[in-house]
């Protein structure tokens, strides 16, 4: 049986997997790297707040710090910029958005499992 935090973690992951590429697609006229930077900043600021207050709330004994959050998303950010850098001349706006979303989902899912299971993102207050 899944615990509540893991369920909230998965649901927020699905939501931000849709929101991130949507923002990228909307911002794409500014250029692919600018669009990616704006989308990532907006998504990760919101995602951090969702994690801190809804997914891993302090009232349940968790602590999500900005440092832990940044550490947990650095590999995802690097892969997103790599994908855009490699494919920006090959794919158009929609294709790049779809490929980026799919890669982000797959890598995010695998990395998220590791991060969640190893306590990289959130720790219990008793362990700090």
C-alpha atoms as a PDB file:
ATOM      1  CA  UNK A   1       0.000   0.000   0.000  1.00  0.00           C
ATOM      2  CA  UNK A   2       1.301   3.443  -0.914  1.00  0.00           C
ATOM      3  CA  UNK A   3       1.616   6.090   1.731  1.00  0.00           C
ATOM      4  CA  UNK A   4       0.024   9.522   1.360  1.00  0.00           C
ATOM      5  CA  UNK A   5       3.262  11.421   0.717  1.00  0.00           C
ATOM      6  CA  UNK A   6       4.235   9.066  -2.107  1.00  0.00           C
ATOM      7  CA  UNK A   7       0.770   9.399  -3.675  1.00  0.00           C
ATOM      8  CA  UNK A   8       0.938  13.202  -3.457  1.00  0.00           C
ATOM      9  CA  UNK A   9       4.482  13.057  -4.834  1.00  0.00           C
ATOM     10  CA  UNK A  10       3.299  11.066  -7.871  1.00  0.00           C
ATOM     11  CA  UNK A  11       0.267  13.253  -8.507  1.00  0.00           C
ATOM     12  CA  UNK A  12       2.288  16.450  -8.294  1.00  0.00           C
ATOM     13  CA  UNK A  13       4.849  14.885 -10.632  1.00  0.00           C
ATOM     14  CA  UNK A  14       2.158  14.178 -13.204  1.00  0.00           C
ATOM     15  CA  UNK A  15       0.742  17.693 -12.889  1.00  0.00           C
ATOM     16  CA  UNK A  16       4.112  19.376 -13.312  1.00  0.00           C
ATOM     17  CA  UNK A  17       4.969  17.047 -16.203  1.00  0.00           C
ATOM     18  CA  UNK A  18       2.067  18.673 -18.061  1.00  0.00           C
ATOM     19  CA  UNK A  19       2.580  22.222 -16.784  1.00  0.00           C
ATOM     20  CA  UNK A  20       6.317  22.417 -17.580  1.00  0.00           C
ATOM     21  CA  UNK A  21       6.113  21.496 -21.279  1.00  0.00           C
ATOM     22  CA  UNK A  22       3.008  23.674 -21.661  1.00  0.00           C
ATOM     23  CA  UNK A  23       4.902  26.706 -20.349  1.00  0.00           C
ATOM     24  CA  UNK A  24       7.851  25.838 -22.589  1.00  0.00           C
ATOM     25  CA  UNK A  25       5.556  25.697 -25.626  1.00  0.00           C
ATOM     26  CA  UNK A  26       3.944  29.038 -24.724  1.00  0.00           C
ATOM     27  CA  UNK A  27       7.310  30.750 -24.170  1.00  0.00           C
ATOM     28  CA  UNK A  28       9.004  29.186 -27.221  1.00  0.00           C
ATOM     29  CA  UNK A  29       8.711  32.346 -29.389  1.00  0.00           C
ATOM     30  CA  UNK A  30      11.320  33.891 -27.038  1.00  0.00           C
ATOM     31  CA  UNK A  31      13.788  31.185 -28.117  1.00  0.00           C
ATOM     32  CA  UNK A  32      14.151  27.586 -26.934  1.00  0.00           C
ATOM     33  CA  UNK A  33      16.711  28.224 -24.192  1.00  0.00           C
ATOM     34  CA  UNK A  34      14.913  31.290 -22.839  1.00  0.00           C
ATOM     35  CA  UNK A  35      11.624  29.365 -22.943  1.00  0.00           C
ATOM     36  CA  UNK A  36      13.190  26.461 -21.093  1.00  0.00           C
ATOM     37  CA  UNK A  37      14.760  28.722 -18.471  1.00  0.00           C
ATOM     38  CA  UNK A  38      11.502  30.595 -17.822  1.00  0.00           C
ATOM     39  CA  UNK A  39       9.450  27.389 -17.713  1.00  0.00           C
ATOM     40  CA  UNK A  40      11.909  25.673 -15.382  1.00  0.00           C
ATOM     41  CA  UNK A  41      12.112  28.606 -12.958  1.00  0.00           C
ATOM     42  CA  UNK A  42       8.328  28.956 -12.801  1.00  0.00           C
ATOM     43  CA  UNK A  43       7.661  25.230 -12.509  1.00  0.00           C
ATOM     44  CA  UNK A  44      10.338  24.539  -9.928  1.00  0.00           C
ATOM     45  CA  UNK A  45       9.394  27.478  -7.750  1.00  0.00           C
ATOM     46  CA  UNK A  46       5.785  26.242  -7.674  1.00  0.00           C
ATOM     47  CA  UNK A  47       6.865  22.613  -7.317  1.00  0.00           C
ATOM     48  CA  UNK A  48       9.122  23.443  -4.379  1.00  0.00           C
ATOM     49  CA  UNK A  49       6.243  25.161  -2.598  1.00  0.00           C
ATOM     50  CA  UNK A  50       3.906  22.232  -3.337  1.00  0.00           C
ATOM     51  CA  UNK A  51       6.492  19.785  -1.996  1.00  0.00           C
ATOM     52  CA  UNK A  52       7.201  21.851   1.075  1.00  0.00           C
ATOM     53  CA  UNK A  53       3.604  22.515   2.087  1.00  0.00           C
ATOM     54  CA  UNK A  54       1.489  19.728   0.568  1.00  0.00           C
ATOM     55  CA  UNK A  55       3.594  16.683  -0.309  1.00  0.00           C
ATOM     56  CA  UNK A  56       6.105  16.691   2.544  1.00  0.00           C
ATOM     57  CA  UNK A  57       4.591  19.047   5.143  1.00  0.00           C
ATOM     58  CA  UNK A  58       6.454  19.827   8.322  1.00  0.00           C
ATOM     59  CA  UNK A  59       3.359  18.904  10.324  1.00  0.00           C
ATOM     60  CA  UNK A  60       3.945  15.291   9.180  1.00  0.00           C
ATOM     61  CA  UNK A  61       7.544  15.399  10.333  1.00  0.00           C
ATOM     62  CA  UNK A  62       9.221  16.217   6.990  1.00  0.00           C
ATOM     63  CA  UNK A  63      11.638  18.967   6.107  1.00  0.00           C
ATOM     64  CA  UNK A  64      12.140  20.112   2.511  1.00  0.00           C
ATOM     65  CA  UNK A  65      14.904  22.677   2.256  1.00  0.00           C
ATOM     66  CA  UNK A  66      15.736  24.802  -0.790  1.00  0.00           C
ATOM     67  CA  UNK A  67      19.188  23.188  -0.903  1.00  0.00           C
ATOM     68  CA  UNK A  68      17.773  19.643  -0.954  1.00  0.00           C
ATOM     69  CA  UNK A  69      15.255  20.602  -3.600  1.00  0.00           C
ATOM     70  CA  UNK A  70      17.885  22.136  -5.887  1.00  0.00           C
ATOM     71  CA  UNK A  71      20.085  19.067  -5.414  1.00  0.00           C
ATOM     72  CA  UNK A  72      17.175  16.812  -6.344  1.00  0.00           C
ATOM     73  CA  UNK A  73      16.392  18.652  -9.615  1.00  0.00           C
ATOM     74  CA  UNK A  74      19.881  19.440 -10.962  1.00  0.00           C
ATOM     75  CA  UNK A  75      20.132  16.246 -13.051  1.00  0.00           C
ATOM     76  CA  UNK A  76      16.705  16.912 -14.561  1.00  0.00           C
ATOM     77  CA  UNK A  77      17.627  20.488 -15.458  1.00  0.00           C
ATOM     78  CA  UNK A  78      20.874  19.354 -17.071  1.00  0.00           C
ATOM     79  CA  UNK A  79      19.076  16.747 -19.179  1.00  0.00           C
ATOM     80  CA  UNK A  80      16.383  19.234 -20.240  1.00  0.00           C
ATOM     81  CA  UNK A  81      18.978  21.733 -21.450  1.00  0.00           C
ATOM     82  CA  UNK A  82      20.933  18.955 -23.167  1.00  0.00           C
ATOM     83  CA  UNK A  83      17.828  17.729 -25.015  1.00  0.00           C
ATOM     84  CA  UNK A  84      16.971  21.261 -26.164  1.00  0.00           C
ATOM     85  CA  UNK A  85      20.568  21.897 -27.210  1.00  0.00           C
ATOM     86  CA  UNK A  86      20.756  18.727 -29.293  1.00  0.00           C
ATOM     87  CA  UNK A  87      17.288  18.838 -30.858  1.00  0.00           C
ATOM     88  CA  UNK A  88      16.502  22.559 -31.276  1.00  0.00           C
ATOM     89  CA  UNK A  89      17.701  22.582 -34.882  1.00  0.00           C
ATOM     90  CA  UNK A  90      16.034  19.281 -35.735  1.00  0.00           C
ATOM     91  CA  UNK A  91      12.571  19.586 -34.225  1.00  0.00           C
ATOM     92  CA  UNK A  92      10.095  22.420 -34.243  1.00  0.00           C
ATOM     93  CA  UNK A  93       8.229  23.890 -31.320  1.00  0.00           C
ATOM     94  CA  UNK A  94       5.691  21.115 -30.818  1.00  0.00           C
ATOM     95  CA  UNK A  95       8.108  18.256 -31.510  1.00  0.00           C
ATOM     96  CA  UNK A  96      10.685  19.635 -29.111  1.00  0.00           C
ATOM     97  CA  UNK A  97       7.989  20.162 -26.490  1.00  0.00           C
ATOM     98  CA  UNK A  98       6.742  16.578 -26.844  1.00  0.00           C
ATOM     99  CA  UNK A  99      10.193  14.985 -26.824  1.00  0.00           C
ATOM    100  CA  UNK A 100      11.243  17.169 -23.908  1.00  0.00           C
ATOM    101  CA  UNK A 101       8.085  16.254 -22.011  1.00  0.00           C
ATOM    102  CA  UNK A 102       8.545  12.532 -22.637  1.00  0.00           C
ATOM    103  CA  UNK A 103      12.234  12.576 -21.707  1.00  0.00           C
ATOM    104  CA  UNK A 104      11.447  14.719 -18.671  1.00  0.00           C
ATOM    105  CA  UNK A 105       8.728  12.303 -17.597  1.00  0.00           C
ATOM    106  CA  UNK A 106      10.903   9.201 -17.969  1.00  0.00           C
ATOM    107  CA  UNK A 107      14.012  10.666 -16.375  1.00  0.00           C
ATOM    108  CA  UNK A 108      11.911  12.432 -13.748  1.00  0.00           C
ATOM    109  CA  UNK A 109      10.148   9.190 -12.854  1.00  0.00           C
ATOM    110  CA  UNK A 110      13.380   7.204 -12.519  1.00  0.00           C
ATOM    111  CA  UNK A 111      15.283   9.959 -10.746  1.00  0.00           C
ATOM    112  CA  UNK A 112      12.262  10.690  -8.558  1.00  0.00           C
ATOM    113  CA  UNK A 113      12.125   7.087  -7.387  1.00  0.00           C
ATOM    114  CA  UNK A 114      15.773   7.288  -6.388  1.00  0.00           C
ATOM    115  CA  UNK A 115      15.398  10.677  -4.708  1.00  0.00           C
ATOM    116  CA  UNK A 116      12.257   9.633  -2.845  1.00  0.00           C
ATOM    117  CA  UNK A 117      13.648   6.296  -1.676  1.00  0.00           C
ATOM    118  CA  UNK A 118      16.981   7.750  -0.539  1.00  0.00           C
ATOM    119  CA  UNK A 119      15.632  10.820   1.250  1.00  0.00           C
ATOM    120  CA  UNK A 120      17.487  13.296  -0.960  1.00  0.00           C
ATOM    121  CA  UNK A 121      14.511  15.653  -1.250  1.00  0.00           C
ATOM    122  CA  UNK A 122      12.893  15.459   2.159  1.00  0.00           C
ATOM    123  CA  UNK A 123      14.137  14.186   5.430  1.00  0.00           C
ATOM    124  CA  UNK A 124      12.316  13.585   8.616  1.00  0.00           C
ATOM    125  CA  UNK A 125      13.007  16.213  11.222  1.00  0.00           C
ATOM    126  CA  UNK A 126      14.299  13.586  13.643  1.00  0.00           C
ATOM    127  CA  UNK A 127      17.105  12.709  11.183  1.00  0.00           C
ATOM    128  CA  UNK A 128      18.436  16.267  10.757  1.00  0.00           C
END
